Amino acid sequence: MLRLINPLKTSARAFSAAVPKHAYSTSAKSGGTSKLITIGLPMGVSAAAAYAYFGDKMGGSAAAPEVKAAAVVPKEPIASALDPNAFVDFKLKSVHQLTPNTSKFTFELKDGQALGMDVTSCVVTKFVKEDGKPVIRPYTPVSDADQTGSFDFVIKRYEGGPMSSHIHGLKPGDTLSVKGPISKHPFKTNQFESVSLIAGGSGITPMIQVISGLLKDKADKTKINLIFANVTPEDIILKDELDAYAKANPDRFKVTYVIDKAVDGWKGPTGYVNAELIKKHIPEVATGNTKVFVCGPPLMMKSVCGPKGPNFTQGEVDGALKELGLDSDHVFKF
């Protein structure tokens, strides 16, 4: 009996479908190696059934129809919800307040559909005012690039800011027009020995994308240091997520929180993010194969790295990073 059932094992090869890569979108890697999957018939198959299936191979005649192993169906590629050439309307699913002026907005996607974002890429949002003039602003989603079914924005409401006010006024069921993605600084695995991230306030959103993207790449060994500045401890958005990344990746990711003025119970650094503070908490900031990414309010950008240039160019490096010896080859301004 065992000698008859043993030959029933057959195998099928599962081929990874080559996924056409969008000009901007994140897709599953194409050209992956095939995986050999062994498919065995149930243990309860009788010797007669075995003889019927393998009769001609064993010198007998088959008395029953041939039983074929089930085909292995390749996984479908995750579809990108974005269009880099046109605005797409997404329905707001829920709103979760993080601070008095900052909320997380979750938008719906179709089942099995992802937003389709590279590391360090953003989207632009649009709405039309009552006078017929469009308002367009860039934002960086904070949800994982491979998350399906929904995506998240974390947006701070600024007094007099038309887009942030518009989005904060949305209710579940309302829609927001989004176009993209727009790639800013494409990453390659192990491109840098270390990256330093300096963020202020809602400038943490592109940094979350960098942290998540690098840490989930198991082949990447890049060390990540984050300095995150805020006015008060209550203003620190996404702290739980950042602390979870640090706990899960102690050898690769370190975060330093900075607030303006000391308060009861605060044990971290206070004051402005200057050259001394950066050097103290990121000693390797200007050594080796490294890159520094900066995102925050205008005054912080000016003091840390200098403002961006005209027409969205990077501009010259100035401020604390220039004082530390860094130039435009080693600094990127979001």
C-alpha atoms as a PDB file:
ATOM      1  CA  MET A   1       0.000   0.000   0.000  1.00  0.00           C
ATOM      2  CA  LEU A   2       2.707   2.473   0.957  1.00  0.00           C
ATOM      3  CA  ARG A   3       4.693   1.607  -2.120  1.00  0.00           C
ATOM      4  CA  LEU A   4       1.690   2.474  -4.268  1.00  0.00           C
ATOM      5  CA  ILE A   5       0.804   5.736  -2.531  1.00  0.00           C
ATOM      6  CA  ASN A   6       4.351   7.114  -2.442  1.00  0.00           C
ATOM      7  CA  PRO A   7       4.552   7.723  -6.204  1.00  0.00           C
ATOM      8  CA  LEU A   8       1.387   9.799  -6.008  1.00  0.00           C
ATOM      9  CA  LYS A   9       3.379  12.884  -5.013  1.00  0.00           C
ATOM     10  CA  THR A  10       3.786  15.220  -7.915  1.00  0.00           C
ATOM     11  CA  SER A  11       5.057  18.754  -8.123  1.00  0.00           C
ATOM     12  CA  ALA A  12       4.177  22.001  -9.833  1.00  0.00           C
ATOM     13  CA  ARG A  13       6.252  25.081 -10.185  1.00  0.00           C
ATOM     14  CA  ALA A  14       4.756  28.427  -9.133  1.00  0.00           C
ATOM     15  CA  PHE A  15       6.025  31.198 -11.302  1.00  0.00           C
ATOM     16  CA  SER A  16       6.050  34.815 -10.083  1.00  0.00           C
ATOM     17  CA  ALA A  17       4.219  36.868 -12.659  1.00  0.00           C
ATOM     18  CA  ALA A  18       6.307  39.703 -14.031  1.00  0.00           C
ATOM     19  CA  VAL A  19       4.619  42.867 -12.850  1.00  0.00           C
ATOM     20  CA  PRO A  20       4.790  45.860 -15.164  1.00  0.00           C
ATOM     21  CA  LYS A  21       6.425  48.591 -13.139  1.00  0.00           C
ATOM     22  CA  HIS A  22       4.680  51.938 -13.185  1.00  0.00           C
ATOM     23  CA  ALA A  23       6.824  54.957 -13.900  1.00  0.00           C
ATOM     24  CA  TYR A  24       6.286  56.066 -10.350  1.00  0.00           C
ATOM     25  CA  SER A  25       4.423  53.337  -8.524  1.00  0.00           C
ATOM     26  CA  THR A  26       5.738  50.693  -6.125  1.00  0.00           C
ATOM     27  CA  SER A  27       5.191  47.267  -7.424  1.00  0.00           C
ATOM     28  CA  ALA A  28       6.172  43.772  -6.482  1.00  0.00           C
ATOM     29  CA  LYS A  29       9.652  42.962  -7.732  1.00  0.00           C
ATOM     30  CA  SER A  30       9.604  41.253 -11.096  1.00  0.00           C
ATOM     31  CA  GLY A  31      11.797  38.375 -12.186  1.00  0.00           C
ATOM     32  CA  GLY A  32      11.710  36.626  -8.796  1.00  0.00           C
ATOM     33  CA  THR A  33      12.928  33.074  -8.481  1.00  0.00           C
ATOM     34  CA  SER A  34      10.380  30.302  -8.861  1.00  0.00           C
ATOM     35  CA  LYS A  35       9.326  28.249  -5.848  1.00  0.00           C
ATOM     36  CA  LEU A  36       8.835  24.501  -6.112  1.00  0.00           C
ATOM     37  CA  ILE A  37       5.577  23.425  -4.484  1.00  0.00           C
ATOM     38  CA  THR A  38       4.992  19.738  -3.799  1.00  0.00           C
ATOM     39  CA  ILE A  39       1.369  18.688  -4.158  1.00  0.00           C
ATOM     40  CA  GLY A  40       0.471  15.289  -2.673  1.00  0.00           C
ATOM     41  CA  LEU A  41      -2.781  13.378  -3.113  1.00  0.00           C
ATOM     42  CA  PRO A  42      -4.790  12.762   0.103  1.00  0.00           C
ATOM     43  CA  MET A  43      -3.573   9.956   2.348  1.00  0.00           C
ATOM     44  CA  GLY A  44      -6.941   8.229   2.059  1.00  0.00           C
ATOM     45  CA  VAL A  45      -6.553   7.487  -1.658  1.00  0.00           C
ATOM     46  CA  SER A  46      -6.952   3.744  -2.201  1.00  0.00           C
ATOM     47  CA  ALA A  47      -4.494   1.453  -3.897  1.00  0.00           C
ATOM     48  CA  ALA A  48      -7.040   0.963  -6.676  1.00  0.00           C
ATOM     49  CA  ALA A  49      -7.163   4.676  -7.344  1.00  0.00           C
ATOM     50  CA  ALA A  50      -3.369   4.797  -7.359  1.00  0.00           C
ATOM     51  CA  TYR A  51      -3.291   1.961  -9.860  1.00  0.00           C
ATOM     52  CA  ALA A  52      -5.890   3.712 -12.015  1.00  0.00           C
ATOM     53  CA  TYR A  53      -3.806   6.929 -12.075  1.00  0.00           C
ATOM     54  CA  PHE A  54      -0.402   5.339 -12.650  1.00  0.00           C
ATOM     55  CA  GLY A  55      -1.572   2.161 -14.444  1.00  0.00           C
ATOM     56  CA  ASP A  56       0.181   2.785 -17.756  1.00  0.00           C
ATOM     57  CA  LYS A  57       3.414   3.747 -15.942  1.00  0.00           C
ATOM     58  CA  MET A  58       3.296   0.538 -13.879  1.00  0.00           C
ATOM     59  CA  GLY A  59       2.535  -1.835 -16.694  1.00  0.00           C
ATOM     60  CA  GLY A  60      -1.245  -2.017 -16.192  1.00  0.00           C
ATOM     61  CA  SER A  61      -4.248  -0.353 -17.815  1.00  0.00           C
ATOM     62  CA  ALA A  62      -6.085   2.642 -16.398  1.00  0.00           C
ATOM     63  CA  ALA A  63      -9.668   1.933 -15.458  1.00  0.00           C
ATOM     64  CA  ALA A  64     -10.569   5.463 -14.346  1.00  0.00           C
ATOM     65  CA  PRO A  65     -10.158   9.003 -15.746  1.00  0.00           C
ATOM     66  CA  GLU A  66      -6.772  10.593 -15.113  1.00  0.00           C
ATOM     67  CA  VAL A  67      -6.632  12.752 -11.990  1.00  0.00           C
ATOM     68  CA  LYS A  68      -4.647  15.952 -12.550  1.00  0.00           C
ATOM     69  CA  ALA A  69      -2.930  17.976  -9.850  1.00  0.00           C
ATOM     70  CA  ALA A  70      -4.471  21.378  -9.227  1.00  0.00           C
ATOM     71  CA  ALA A  71      -2.684  24.178 -11.057  1.00  0.00           C
ATOM     72  CA  VAL A  72      -0.842  26.754  -8.984  1.00  0.00           C
ATOM     73  CA  VAL A  73      -2.262  30.181  -9.759  1.00  0.00           C
ATOM     74  CA  PRO A  74       0.261  33.041  -9.540  1.00  0.00           C
ATOM     75  CA  LYS A  75      -0.663  35.901  -7.242  1.00  0.00           C
ATOM     76  CA  GLU A  76      -2.092  38.929  -8.973  1.00  0.00           C
ATOM     77  CA  PRO A  77       0.050  42.069  -8.689  1.00  0.00           C
ATOM     78  CA  ILE A  78      -1.261  44.703  -6.303  1.00  0.00           C
ATOM     79  CA  ALA A  79      -2.969  47.390  -8.348  1.00  0.00           C
ATOM     80  CA  SER A  80      -1.950  51.021  -7.861  1.00  0.00           C
ATOM     81  CA  ALA A  81      -4.823  53.365  -7.079  1.00  0.00           C
ATOM     82  CA  LEU A  82      -3.001  56.496  -8.244  1.00  0.00           C
ATOM     83  CA  ASP A  83      -2.662  58.067 -11.674  1.00  0.00           C
ATOM     84  CA  PRO A  84       0.355  60.375 -12.185  1.00  0.00           C
ATOM     85  CA  ASN A  85      -1.445  62.142 -15.026  1.00  0.00           C
ATOM     86  CA  ALA A  86      -4.899  62.726 -13.552  1.00  0.00           C
ATOM     87  CA  PHE A  87      -6.608  63.470 -10.245  1.00  0.00           C
ATOM     88  CA  VAL A  88      -8.517  60.577  -8.701  1.00  0.00           C
ATOM     89  CA  ASP A  89     -11.267  61.077  -6.088  1.00  0.00           C
ATOM     90  CA  PHE A  90     -10.931  59.066  -2.874  1.00  0.00           C
ATOM     91  CA  LYS A  91     -13.688  58.733  -0.271  1.00  0.00           C
ATOM     92  CA  LEU A  92     -12.889  59.650   3.336  1.00  0.00           C
ATOM     93  CA  LYS A  93     -13.461  56.655   5.610  1.00  0.00           C
ATOM     94  CA  SER A  94     -12.600  58.010   9.061  1.00  0.00           C
ATOM     95  CA  VAL A  95     -10.887  60.809  11.012  1.00  0.00           C
ATOM     96  CA  HIS A  96      -8.795  60.305  14.159  1.00  0.00           C
ATOM     97  CA  GLN A  97      -7.624  63.364  16.092  1.00  0.00           C
ATOM     98  CA  LEU A  98      -3.978  63.142  17.200  1.00  0.00           C
ATOM     99  CA  THR A  99      -3.418  66.615  18.692  1.00  0.00           C
ATOM    100  CA  PRO A 100      -5.659  69.698  18.980  1.00  0.00           C
ATOM    101  CA  ASN A 101      -4.671  70.758  15.442  1.00  0.00           C
ATOM    102  CA  THR A 102      -3.527  67.506  13.783  1.00  0.00           C
ATOM    103  CA  SER A 103      -5.596  64.519  12.647  1.00  0.00           C
ATOM    104  CA  LYS A 104      -5.166  61.271  10.756  1.00  0.00           C
ATOM    105  CA  PHE A 105      -7.452  60.959   7.723  1.00  0.00           C
ATOM    106  CA  THR A 106      -8.099  57.468   6.372  1.00  0.00           C
ATOM    107  CA  PHE A 107      -9.330  57.186   2.775  1.00  0.00           C
ATOM    108  CA  GLU A 108     -10.876  54.149   1.121  1.00  0.00           C
ATOM    109  CA  LEU A 109      -9.294  52.029  -1.596  1.00  0.00           C
ATOM    110  CA  LYS A 110     -10.750  49.060  -3.435  1.00  0.00           C
ATOM    111  CA  ASP A 111     -10.156  45.604  -1.983  1.00  0.00           C
ATOM    112  CA  GLY A 112      -6.656  44.411  -2.850  1.00  0.00           C
ATOM    113  CA  GLN A 113      -5.655  47.854  -4.097  1.00  0.00           C
ATOM    114  CA  ALA A 114      -2.672  49.820  -2.750  1.00  0.00           C
ATOM    115  CA  LEU A 115      -1.858  53.487  -3.162  1.00  0.00           C
ATOM    116  CA  GLY A 116       1.406  52.660  -4.954  1.00  0.00           C
ATOM    117  CA  MET A 117       4.186  54.823  -3.491  1.00  0.00           C
ATOM    118  CA  ASP A 118       7.981  54.713  -3.589  1.00  0.00           C
ATOM    119  CA  VAL A 119      10.067  55.756  -0.593  1.00  0.00           C
ATOM    120  CA  THR A 120      10.409  59.578  -0.580  1.00  0.00           C
ATOM    121  CA  SER A 121       7.508  60.178  -2.934  1.00  0.00           C
ATOM    122  CA  CYS A 122       4.490  62.390  -2.394  1.00  0.00           C
ATOM    123  CA  VAL A 123       1.114  63.196  -3.940  1.00  0.00           C
ATOM    124  CA  VAL A 124      -0.703  66.430  -4.665  1.00  0.00           C
ATOM    125  CA  THR A 125      -4.244  67.140  -3.485  1.00  0.00           C
ATOM    126  CA  LYS A 126      -6.769  69.487  -5.064  1.00  0.00           C
ATOM    127  CA  PHE A 127     -10.066  71.184  -4.365  1.00  0.00           C
ATOM    128  CA  VAL A 128     -11.834  74.038  -6.145  1.00  0.00           C
ATOM    129  CA  LYS A 129     -12.822  77.134  -4.186  1.00  0.00           C
ATOM    130  CA  GLU A 130     -16.179  78.853  -4.552  1.00  0.00           C
ATOM    131  CA  ASP A 131     -14.635  81.376  -6.934  1.00  0.00           C
ATOM    132  CA  GLY A 132     -13.646  78.522  -9.252  1.00  0.00           C
ATOM    133  CA  LYS A 133      -9.924  78.704  -8.500  1.00  0.00           C
ATOM    134  CA  PRO A 134      -8.190  75.413  -7.696  1.00  0.00           C
ATOM    135  CA  VAL A 135      -6.034  74.932  -4.596  1.00  0.00           C
ATOM    136  CA  ILE A 136      -3.273  72.333  -4.952  1.00  0.00           C
ATOM    137  CA  ARG A 137      -0.946  71.191  -2.168  1.00  0.00           C
ATOM    138  CA  PRO A 138       1.549  68.299  -1.730  1.00  0.00           C
ATOM    139  CA  TYR A 139       1.252  65.740   1.068  1.00  0.00           C
ATOM    140  CA  THR A 140       3.002  62.489   1.989  1.00  0.00           C
ATOM    141  CA  PRO A 141       0.846  59.529   3.052  1.00  0.00           C
ATOM    142  CA  VAL A 142       2.033  57.875   6.283  1.00  0.00           C
ATOM    143  CA  SER A 143       0.525  54.433   5.645  1.00  0.00           C
ATOM    144  CA  ASP A 144       2.717  51.561   4.495  1.00  0.00           C
ATOM    145  CA  ALA A 145       3.308  51.528   0.740  1.00  0.00           C
ATOM    146  CA  ASP A 146       1.928  47.984   0.486  1.00  0.00           C
ATOM    147  CA  GLN A 147      -1.155  48.617   2.627  1.00  0.00           C
ATOM    148  CA  THR A 148      -4.300  47.630   0.749  1.00  0.00           C
ATOM    149  CA  GLY A 149      -7.898  48.774   1.156  1.00  0.00           C
ATOM    150  CA  SER A 150      -7.083  52.229   2.582  1.00  0.00           C
ATOM    151  CA  PHE A 151      -4.375  54.869   3.021  1.00  0.00           C
ATOM    152  CA  ASP A 152      -3.676  57.563   5.619  1.00  0.00           C
ATOM    153  CA  PHE A 153      -2.722  61.219   5.683  1.00  0.00           C
ATOM    154  CA  VAL A 154      -1.610  62.981   8.880  1.00  0.00           C
ATOM    155  CA  ILE A 155      -2.348  66.670   8.382  1.00  0.00           C
ATOM    156  CA  LYS A 156      -1.890  69.668  10.647  1.00  0.00           C
ATOM    157  CA  ARG A 157      -4.423  72.470  10.349  1.00  0.00           C
ATOM    158  CA  TYR A 158      -2.776  75.838   9.778  1.00  0.00           C
ATOM    159  CA  GLU A 159      -4.606  79.085  10.397  1.00  0.00           C
ATOM    160  CA  GLY A 160      -5.381  80.558   6.988  1.00  0.00           C
ATOM    161  CA  GLY A 161      -4.160  77.431   5.174  1.00  0.00           C
ATOM    162  CA  PRO A 162      -6.789  76.736   2.510  1.00  0.00           C
ATOM    163  CA  MET A 163      -5.987  73.068   1.858  1.00  0.00           C
ATOM    164  CA  SER A 164      -5.406  71.998   5.464  1.00  0.00           C
ATOM    165  CA  SER A 165      -8.621  73.790   6.474  1.00  0.00           C
ATOM    166  CA  HIS A 166     -10.509  72.141   3.613  1.00  0.00           C
ATOM    167  CA  ILE A 167      -9.319  68.644   4.554  1.00  0.00           C
ATOM    168  CA  HIS A 168     -10.058  69.208   8.247  1.00  0.00           C
ATOM    169  CA  GLY A 169     -13.568  70.188   7.202  1.00  0.00           C
ATOM    170  CA  LEU A 170     -14.214  66.905   5.371  1.00  0.00           C
ATOM    171  CA  LYS A 171     -16.661  64.376   6.815  1.00  0.00           C
ATOM    172  CA  PRO A 172     -16.685  60.602   6.246  1.00  0.00           C
ATOM    173  CA  GLY A 173     -18.172  59.993   2.819  1.00  0.00           C
ATOM    174  CA  ASP A 174     -16.712  63.197   1.334  1.00  0.00           C
ATOM    175  CA  THR A 175     -14.030  62.872  -1.345  1.00  0.00           C
ATOM    176  CA  LEU A 176     -10.596  64.369  -1.941  1.00  0.00           C
ATOM    177  CA  SER A 177      -8.877  64.629  -5.330  1.00  0.00           C
ATOM    178  CA  VAL A 178      -5.352  63.167  -5.347  1.00  0.00           C
ATOM    179  CA  LYS A 179      -2.730  62.824  -8.105  1.00  0.00           C
ATOM    180  CA  GLY A 180       0.679  61.162  -8.099  1.00  0.00           C
ATOM    181  CA  PRO A 181       2.955  59.753  -6.975  1.00  0.00           C
ATOM    182  CA  ILE A 182       5.786  62.249  -7.428  1.00  0.00           C
ATOM    183  CA  SER A 183       9.170  60.682  -6.731  1.00  0.00           C
ATOM    184  CA  LYS A 184      11.644  62.905  -4.869  1.00  0.00           C
ATOM    185  CA  HIS A 185      14.742  60.936  -3.884  1.00  0.00           C
ATOM    186  CA  PRO A 186      14.572  57.287  -5.016  1.00  0.00           C
ATOM    187  CA  PHE A 187      16.308  54.854  -2.662  1.00  0.00           C
ATOM    188  CA  LYS A 188      18.335  51.766  -3.479  1.00  0.00           C
ATOM    189  CA  THR A 189      18.996  48.980  -0.993  1.00  0.00           C
ATOM    190  CA  ASN A 190      22.104  49.781   1.097  1.00  0.00           C
ATOM    191  CA  GLN A 191      22.657  52.990  -0.850  1.00  0.00           C
ATOM    192  CA  PHE A 192      23.940  54.661   2.336  1.00  0.00           C
ATOM    193  CA  GLU A 193      25.664  53.411   5.463  1.00  0.00           C
ATOM    194  CA  SER A 194      23.481  55.756   7.473  1.00  0.00           C
ATOM    195  CA  VAL A 195      20.768  58.345   7.002  1.00  0.00           C
ATOM    196  CA  SER A 196      19.992  61.191   9.393  1.00  0.00           C
ATOM    197  CA  LEU A 197      16.457  62.556   9.538  1.00  0.00           C
ATOM    198  CA  ILE A 198      15.701  65.969  11.070  1.00  0.00           C
ATOM    199  CA  ALA A 199      12.003  66.812  11.298  1.00  0.00           C
ATOM    200  CA  GLY A 200       9.807  69.428  12.901  1.00  0.00           C
ATOM    201  CA  GLY A 201       6.066  69.130  13.520  1.00  0.00           C
ATOM    202  CA  SER A 202       4.143  67.672  10.588  1.00  0.00           C
ATOM    203  CA  GLY A 203       7.459  67.430   8.716  1.00  0.00           C
ATOM    204  CA  ILE A 204       7.625  63.945  10.227  1.00  0.00           C
ATOM    205  CA  THR A 205       5.346  62.534   7.495  1.00  0.00           C
ATOM    206  CA  PRO A 206       7.986  61.997   4.762  1.00  0.00           C
ATOM    207  CA  MET A 207      10.347  60.674   7.434  1.00  0.00           C
ATOM    208  CA  ILE A 208       7.830  57.986   8.420  1.00  0.00           C
ATOM    209  CA  GLN A 209       7.871  56.875   4.789  1.00  0.00           C
ATOM    210  CA  VAL A 210      11.685  56.658   4.791  1.00  0.00           C
ATOM    211  CA  ILE A 211      11.815  54.795   8.119  1.00  0.00           C
ATOM    212  CA  SER A 212       9.123  52.303   7.148  1.00  0.00           C
ATOM    213  CA  GLY A 213      10.540  51.702   3.676  1.00  0.00           C
ATOM    214  CA  LEU A 214      14.110  51.073   4.833  1.00  0.00           C
ATOM    215  CA  LEU A 215      13.270  48.947   7.863  1.00  0.00           C
ATOM    216  CA  LYS A 216      10.940  46.567   6.067  1.00  0.00           C
ATOM    217  CA  ASP A 217      13.618  45.829   3.446  1.00  0.00           C
ATOM    218  CA  LYS A 218      15.293  42.871   5.154  1.00  0.00           C
ATOM    219  CA  ALA A 219      18.295  43.103   2.827  1.00  0.00           C
ATOM    220  CA  ASP A 220      18.959  46.717   3.821  1.00  0.00           C
ATOM    221  CA  LYS A 221      21.378  47.469   6.672  1.00  0.00           C
ATOM    222  CA  THR A 222      21.187  51.279   6.642  1.00  0.00           C
ATOM    223  CA  LYS A 223      21.301  52.833  10.114  1.00  0.00           C
ATOM    224  CA  ILE A 224      18.678  55.528  10.705  1.00  0.00           C
ATOM    225  CA  ASN A 225      18.858  58.395  13.209  1.00  0.00           C
ATOM    226  CA  LEU A 226      15.896  60.737  13.710  1.00  0.00           C
ATOM    227  CA  ILE A 227      15.769  64.068  15.521  1.00  0.00           C
ATOM    228  CA  PHE A 228      12.124  65.112  15.894  1.00  0.00           C
ATOM    229  CA  ALA A 229      11.467  68.642  17.202  1.00  0.00           C
ATOM    230  CA  ASN A 230       8.157  69.943  18.558  1.00  0.00           C
ATOM    231  CA  VAL A 231       6.869  72.754  20.769  1.00  0.00           C
ATOM    232  CA  THR A 232       5.550  70.526  23.582  1.00  0.00           C
ATOM    233  CA  PRO A 233       5.396  66.775  24.293  1.00  0.00           C
ATOM    234  CA  GLU A 234       1.696  66.852  23.380  1.00  0.00           C
ATOM    235  CA  ASP A 235       2.612  68.050  19.870  1.00  0.00           C
ATOM    236  CA  ILE A 236       4.649  64.914  19.090  1.00  0.00           C
ATOM    237  CA  ILE A 237       2.574  63.128  16.459  1.00  0.00           C
ATOM    238  CA  LEU A 238       2.973  59.427  15.599  1.00  0.00           C
ATOM    239  CA  LYS A 239       5.128  58.887  18.691  1.00  0.00           C
ATOM    240  CA  ASP A 240       3.708  55.417  19.303  1.00  0.00           C
ATOM    241  CA  GLU A 241       4.635  54.353  15.777  1.00  0.00           C
ATOM    242  CA  LEU A 242       8.149  55.790  16.071  1.00  0.00           C
ATOM    243  CA  ASP A 243       8.733  54.152  19.457  1.00  0.00           C
ATOM    244  CA  ALA A 244       7.537  50.830  18.049  1.00  0.00           C
ATOM    245  CA  TYR A 245      10.028  51.077  15.165  1.00  0.00           C
ATOM    246  CA  ALA A 246      12.841  51.864  17.638  1.00  0.00           C
ATOM    247  CA  LYS A 247      11.906  48.954  19.915  1.00  0.00           C
ATOM    248  CA  ALA A 248      11.688  46.476  17.039  1.00  0.00           C
ATOM    249  CA  ASN A 249      14.931  47.676  15.384  1.00  0.00           C
ATOM    250  CA  PRO A 250      17.326  48.777  18.168  1.00  0.00           C
ATOM    251  CA  ASP A 251      20.421  48.189  16.024  1.00  0.00           C
ATOM    252  CA  ARG A 252      19.144  50.204  13.070  1.00  0.00           C
ATOM    253  CA  PHE A 253      16.841  52.988  14.266  1.00  0.00           C
ATOM    254  CA  LYS A 254      17.222  55.610  16.999  1.00  0.00           C
ATOM    255  CA  VAL A 255      14.890  58.552  17.686  1.00  0.00           C
ATOM    256  CA  THR A 256      15.607  61.695  19.720  1.00  0.00           C
ATOM    257  CA  TYR A 257      12.677  63.941  20.692  1.00  0.00           C
ATOM    258  CA  VAL A 258      13.304  67.662  21.220  1.00  0.00           C
ATOM    259  CA  ILE A 259      10.880  70.235  22.644  1.00  0.00           C
ATOM    260  CA  ASP A 260      11.144  74.013  22.925  1.00  0.00           C
ATOM    261  CA  LYS A 261      11.155  74.354  26.717  1.00  0.00           C
ATOM    262  CA  ALA A 262      11.568  71.919  29.575  1.00  0.00           C
ATOM    263  CA  VAL A 263       8.403  70.754  31.341  1.00  0.00           C
ATOM    264  CA  ASP A 264       7.854  68.537  34.359  1.00  0.00           C
ATOM    265  CA  GLY A 265       8.894  64.978  33.653  1.00  0.00           C
ATOM    266  CA  TRP A 266      10.705  65.743  30.385  1.00  0.00           C
ATOM    267  CA  LYS A 267      14.120  64.061  30.193  1.00  0.00           C
ATOM    268  CA  GLY A 268      15.030  64.768  26.568  1.00  0.00           C
ATOM    269  CA  PRO A 269      16.848  67.728  25.010  1.00  0.00           C
ATOM    270  CA  THR A 270      15.211  71.159  24.733  1.00  0.00           C
ATOM    271  CA  GLY A 271      15.729  74.279  22.668  1.00  0.00           C
ATOM    272  CA  TYR A 272      16.595  74.821  19.024  1.00  0.00           C
ATOM    273  CA  VAL A 273      17.969  72.154  16.727  1.00  0.00           C
ATOM    274  CA  ASN A 274      21.477  73.532  16.165  1.00  0.00           C
ATOM    275  CA  ALA A 275      24.839  72.078  15.153  1.00  0.00           C
ATOM    276  CA  GLU A 276      25.768  71.194  18.741  1.00  0.00           C
ATOM    277  CA  LEU A 277      22.528  69.263  19.345  1.00  0.00           C
ATOM    278  CA  ILE A 278      22.765  67.437  16.027  1.00  0.00           C
ATOM    279  CA  LYS A 279      26.397  66.414  16.616  1.00  0.00           C
ATOM    280  CA  LYS A 280      25.627  65.225  20.140  1.00  0.00           C
ATOM    281  CA  HIS A 281      22.750  62.945  19.151  1.00  0.00           C
ATOM    282  CA  ILE A 282      23.971  61.923  15.685  1.00  0.00           C
ATOM    283  CA  PRO A 283      27.781  61.763  16.014  1.00  0.00           C
ATOM    284  CA  GLU A 284      28.176  60.192  12.546  1.00  0.00           C
ATOM    285  CA  VAL A 285      26.048  62.857  10.810  1.00  0.00           C
ATOM    286  CA  ALA A 286      28.936  64.126   8.653  1.00  0.00           C
ATOM    287  CA  THR A 287      31.041  60.978   8.301  1.00  0.00           C
ATOM    288  CA  GLY A 288      31.132  58.098   5.848  1.00  0.00           C
ATOM    289  CA  ASN A 289      28.588  57.284   3.161  1.00  0.00           C
ATOM    290  CA  THR A 290      25.670  59.247   4.592  1.00  0.00           C
ATOM    291  CA  LYS A 291      22.717  61.468   3.702  1.00  0.00           C
ATOM    292  CA  VAL A 292      20.710  63.955   5.789  1.00  0.00           C
ATOM    293  CA  PHE A 293      17.014  64.571   5.110  1.00  0.00           C
ATOM    294  CA  VAL A 294      15.277  67.628   6.552  1.00  0.00           C
ATOM    295  CA  CYS A 295      11.603  68.605   6.688  1.00  0.00           C
ATOM    296  CA  GLY A 296       9.881  71.164   8.888  1.00  0.00           C
ATOM    297  CA  PRO A 297       8.487  74.701   9.134  1.00  0.00           C
ATOM    298  CA  PRO A 298      10.306  77.500   7.244  1.00  0.00           C
ATOM    299  CA  LEU A 299      12.174  78.928  10.247  1.00  0.00           C
ATOM    300  CA  MET A 300      13.501  75.501  11.196  1.00  0.00           C
ATOM    301  CA  MET A 301      14.581  74.774   7.626  1.00  0.00           C
ATOM    302  CA  LYS A 302      16.418  78.081   7.495  1.00  0.00           C
ATOM    303  CA  SER A 303      18.357  77.434  10.704  1.00  0.00           C
ATOM    304  CA  VAL A 304      19.102  73.746  10.095  1.00  0.00           C
ATOM    305  CA  CYS A 305      19.870  73.528   6.367  1.00  0.00           C
ATOM    306  CA  GLY A 306      18.915  76.773   4.649  1.00  0.00           C
ATOM    307  CA  PRO A 307      15.717  77.346   2.647  1.00  0.00           C
ATOM    308  CA  LYS A 308      14.945  75.606  -0.603  1.00  0.00           C
ATOM    309  CA  GLY A 309      15.787  77.421  -3.823  1.00  0.00           C
ATOM    310  CA  PRO A 310      13.400  78.934  -6.372  1.00  0.00           C
ATOM    311  CA  ASN A 311      11.115  76.700  -8.444  1.00  0.00           C
ATOM    312  CA  PHE A 312      11.351  73.828  -5.929  1.00  0.00           C
ATOM    313  CA  THR A 313      15.122  73.461  -6.332  1.00  0.00           C
ATOM    314  CA  GLN A 314      17.218  72.318  -3.357  1.00  0.00           C
ATOM    315  CA  GLY A 315      19.191  75.542  -2.947  1.00  0.00           C
ATOM    316  CA  GLU A 316      22.492  75.883  -1.126  1.00  0.00           C
ATOM    317  CA  VAL A 317      23.120  74.162   2.203  1.00  0.00           C
ATOM    318  CA  ASP A 318      23.321  76.645   5.060  1.00  0.00           C
ATOM    319  CA  GLY A 319      22.740  76.808   8.803  1.00  0.00           C
ATOM    320  CA  ALA A 320      23.714  74.047  11.210  1.00  0.00           C
ATOM    321  CA  LEU A 321      24.424  71.432   8.551  1.00  0.00           C
ATOM    322  CA  LYS A 322      26.821  73.740   6.726  1.00  0.00           C
ATOM    323  CA  GLU A 323      28.518  74.410  10.062  1.00  0.00           C
ATOM    324  CA  LEU A 324      28.984  70.652  10.431  1.00  0.00           C
ATOM    325  CA  GLY A 325      30.699  70.473   7.039  1.00  0.00           C
ATOM    326  CA  LEU A 326      27.859  69.045   4.936  1.00  0.00           C
ATOM    327  CA  ASP A 327      27.186  70.134   1.360  1.00  0.00           C
ATOM    328  CA  SER A 328      24.386  69.674  -1.173  1.00  0.00           C
ATOM    329  CA  ASP A 329      25.627  66.185  -2.084  1.00  0.00           C
ATOM    330  CA  HIS A 330      24.853  65.012   1.436  1.00  0.00           C
ATOM    331  CA  VAL A 331      21.651  66.951   2.252  1.00  0.00           C
ATOM    332  CA  PHE A 332      18.129  66.645   0.864  1.00  0.00           C
ATOM    333  CA  LYS A 333      15.361  69.112   1.716  1.00  0.00           C
ATOM    334  CA  PHE A 334      11.764  67.910   1.525  1.00  0.00           C
END
